[in-house]
């Protein structure tokens, strides 16, 4: 299949944005989705070029934080900077969660999931998560991909 044809198909899609954290690293993620209701499961895809992918290779769990429209600055911190160069957690409030996973203080919509399996998906690796703890959540609209298109990624995909 010609890539430009597939690009035309996906170009109109608008994904919710998340910040994923593991001990020592975190990044902005747009390739993530609930993939099972019973049992509850969530799939997070991390780029192999990303510092967080390397940090997540040997961890047991990761946190997924749902961003809201007012969290553009967090999206910029975790999406435009790389953990290869800065400690992102020195620039935001956080506390340790289960398995030592950093929980961002500004995000009340989060969950920590234990990684059940990792799947090579090409330039990304899928992490299948089993939720073990959740934050109080929110009904606010999520920050969408169209709300962060002004950001330059810290790494190429």
Protein backbone atom coordinates (compact mmCIF):
# COMPACT_ATOMS: atom_id res chain seq x y z
CA UNK A 1 0.00 0.00 0.00
CA UNK A 2 1.21 3.48 -0.79
CA UNK A 3 2.02 5.35 2.46
CA UNK A 4 0.51 8.63 1.21
CA UNK A 5 -2.87 6.90 0.78
CA UNK A 6 -2.76 5.68 4.39
CA UNK A 7 -1.58 9.15 5.51
CA UNK A 8 -4.69 10.66 3.89
CA UNK A 9 -6.84 8.21 5.86
CA UNK A 10 -5.21 8.98 9.23
CA UNK A 11 -4.71 12.73 8.72
CA UNK A 12 -8.26 13.56 9.79
CA UNK A 13 -8.14 11.53 13.00
CA UNK A 14 -7.90 13.36 16.33
CA UNK A 15 -6.48 11.34 19.23
CA UNK A 16 -6.58 12.11 22.96
CA UNK A 17 -3.13 12.92 24.35
CA UNK A 18 -1.64 11.29 27.44
CA UNK A 19 1.55 11.61 29.45
CA UNK A 20 3.00 8.20 30.25
CA UNK A 21 5.48 7.92 33.11
CA UNK A 22 7.83 5.22 34.34
CA UNK A 23 10.54 5.56 36.98
CA UNK A 24 13.04 8.08 35.61
CA UNK A 25 11.19 9.03 32.43
CA UNK A 26 7.96 10.19 30.83
CA UNK A 27 6.65 11.24 27.44
CA UNK A 28 3.66 12.55 25.54
CA UNK A 29 1.71 9.74 23.85
CA UNK A 30 -1.00 9.86 21.23
CA UNK A 31 -1.01 6.16 20.30
CA UNK A 32 -2.97 4.75 23.25
CA UNK A 33 -6.42 3.25 23.71
CA UNK A 34 -8.64 1.12 25.87
CA UNK A 35 -8.63 -2.27 24.20
CA UNK A 36 -10.78 -4.44 26.52
CA UNK A 37 -13.71 -3.84 28.86
CA UNK A 38 -13.74 -7.13 30.75
CA UNK A 39 -11.08 -7.56 31.84
CA UNK A 40 -10.09 -3.87 31.63
CA UNK A 41 -6.99 -3.38 29.47
CA UNK A 42 -5.27 -0.37 27.90
CA UNK A 43 -2.65 -0.33 25.13
CA UNK A 44 0.15 2.27 25.17
CA UNK A 45 2.50 2.45 22.17
CA UNK A 46 5.95 3.97 22.71
CA UNK A 47 8.31 4.97 19.92
CA UNK A 48 11.53 2.97 19.90
CA UNK A 49 13.41 6.29 19.45
CA UNK A 50 12.05 7.62 22.74
CA UNK A 51 13.95 7.78 26.04
CA UNK A 52 10.81 6.58 27.84
CA UNK A 53 10.70 3.46 25.68
CA UNK A 54 14.23 2.57 26.79
CA UNK A 55 13.37 3.33 30.43
CA UNK A 56 10.21 1.19 30.18
CA UNK A 57 11.89 -1.95 28.82
CA UNK A 58 12.46 -3.49 32.23
CA UNK A 59 9.76 -1.93 34.45
CA UNK A 60 6.70 -3.68 35.82
CA UNK A 61 4.24 -0.79 35.47
CA UNK A 62 3.58 2.63 33.97
CA UNK A 63 1.21 5.49 34.69
CA UNK A 64 -1.09 6.97 32.07
CA UNK A 65 -2.19 10.57 32.73
CA UNK A 66 -5.11 12.02 30.78
CA UNK A 67 -4.40 15.62 29.86
CA UNK A 68 -7.02 18.34 29.65
CA UNK A 69 -7.14 21.45 27.46
CA UNK A 70 -5.39 23.48 30.19
CA UNK A 71 -2.41 21.08 30.24
CA UNK A 72 -0.69 22.28 27.06
CA UNK A 73 2.39 23.18 29.12
CA UNK A 74 2.66 19.61 30.44
CA UNK A 75 2.22 18.32 26.90
CA UNK A 76 5.05 20.64 25.82
CA UNK A 77 7.34 19.52 28.66
CA UNK A 78 6.79 15.81 28.06
CA UNK A 79 6.48 16.06 24.27
CA UNK A 80 9.19 18.49 23.19
CA UNK A 81 11.94 17.71 25.68
CA UNK A 82 13.85 14.44 25.85
CA UNK A 83 14.90 12.56 28.94
CA UNK A 84 18.23 12.08 27.19
CA UNK A 85 18.92 15.75 27.97
CA UNK A 86 16.80 16.90 30.95
CA UNK A 87 15.03 15.58 34.04
CA UNK A 88 11.43 16.43 33.16
CA UNK A 89 10.28 15.70 36.72
CA UNK A 90 12.46 18.56 38.01
CA UNK A 91 10.10 20.88 36.10
CA UNK A 92 6.74 19.69 37.46
CA UNK A 93 5.14 18.43 40.66
CA UNK A 94 4.88 14.69 41.10
CA UNK A 95 4.73 11.98 43.74
CA UNK A 96 5.65 8.30 43.69
CA UNK A 97 2.87 5.84 42.95
CA UNK A 98 2.68 2.03 42.83
CA UNK A 99 5.92 0.39 41.69
CA UNK A 100 7.64 3.79 42.07
CA UNK A 101 5.85 5.17 39.02
CA UNK A 102 5.74 9.01 39.04
CA UNK A 103 2.24 10.48 39.31
CA UNK A 104 1.87 14.04 38.04
CA UNK A 105 0.26 16.25 40.69
CA UNK A 106 -1.68 18.37 38.20
CA UNK A 107 -3.42 15.38 36.62
CA UNK A 108 -6.25 13.85 38.61
CA UNK A 109 -7.26 11.55 35.74
CA UNK A 110 -4.63 8.81 35.74
CA UNK A 111 -4.15 5.12 36.23
CA UNK A 112 -1.20 2.87 36.93
CA UNK A 113 -1.13 -0.33 34.95
CA UNK A 114 1.05 -3.37 35.30
CA UNK A 115 2.56 -4.37 31.96
CA UNK A 116 1.16 -7.74 30.91
CA UNK A 117 2.98 -7.97 27.61
CA UNK A 118 5.00 -5.97 25.11
CA UNK A 119 4.39 -6.29 21.37
CA UNK A 120 6.70 -5.07 18.60
CA UNK A 121 4.52 -2.96 16.29
CA UNK A 122 7.14 -1.57 13.88
CA UNK A 123 8.64 1.74 14.98
CA UNK A 124 6.60 1.53 18.23
CA UNK A 125 6.24 -1.11 20.94
CA UNK A 126 2.81 -1.75 22.41
CA UNK A 127 2.54 -2.15 26.19
CA UNK A 128 -0.62 -3.94 27.28
CA UNK A 129 -1.59 -2.60 30.72
CA UNK A 130 -3.74 -4.11 33.45
CA UNK A 131 -4.98 -1.21 35.61
CA UNK A 132 -4.13 -1.63 39.31
CA UNK A 133 -4.82 1.86 40.71
CA UNK A 134 -6.65 4.94 39.44
CA UNK A 135 -6.88 8.60 40.36
CA UNK A 136 -10.18 10.31 41.12
CA UNK A 137 -10.60 11.14 37.44
CA UNK A 138 -12.38 13.96 35.73
CA UNK A 139 -15.18 14.56 33.28
CA UNK A 140 -13.27 17.38 31.57
CA UNK A 141 -12.66 17.07 27.85
CA UNK A 142 -9.27 15.58 27.01
CA UNK A 143 -6.47 17.47 25.28
CA UNK A 144 -6.55 16.24 21.70
CA UNK A 145 -3.86 15.85 19.04
CA UNK A 146 -5.13 18.95 17.24
CA UNK A 147 -4.37 20.89 20.45
CA UNK A 148 -0.65 19.99 20.37
CA UNK A 149 0.16 20.18 16.66
CA UNK A 150 2.23 23.30 17.38
CA UNK A 151 4.76 21.22 19.35
CA UNK A 152 7.98 19.84 17.89
CA UNK A 153 8.69 16.32 19.16
CA UNK A 154 11.77 15.69 21.28
CA UNK A 155 12.52 12.68 19.04
CA UNK A 156 11.45 11.62 15.57
CA UNK A 157 9.08 8.66 15.54
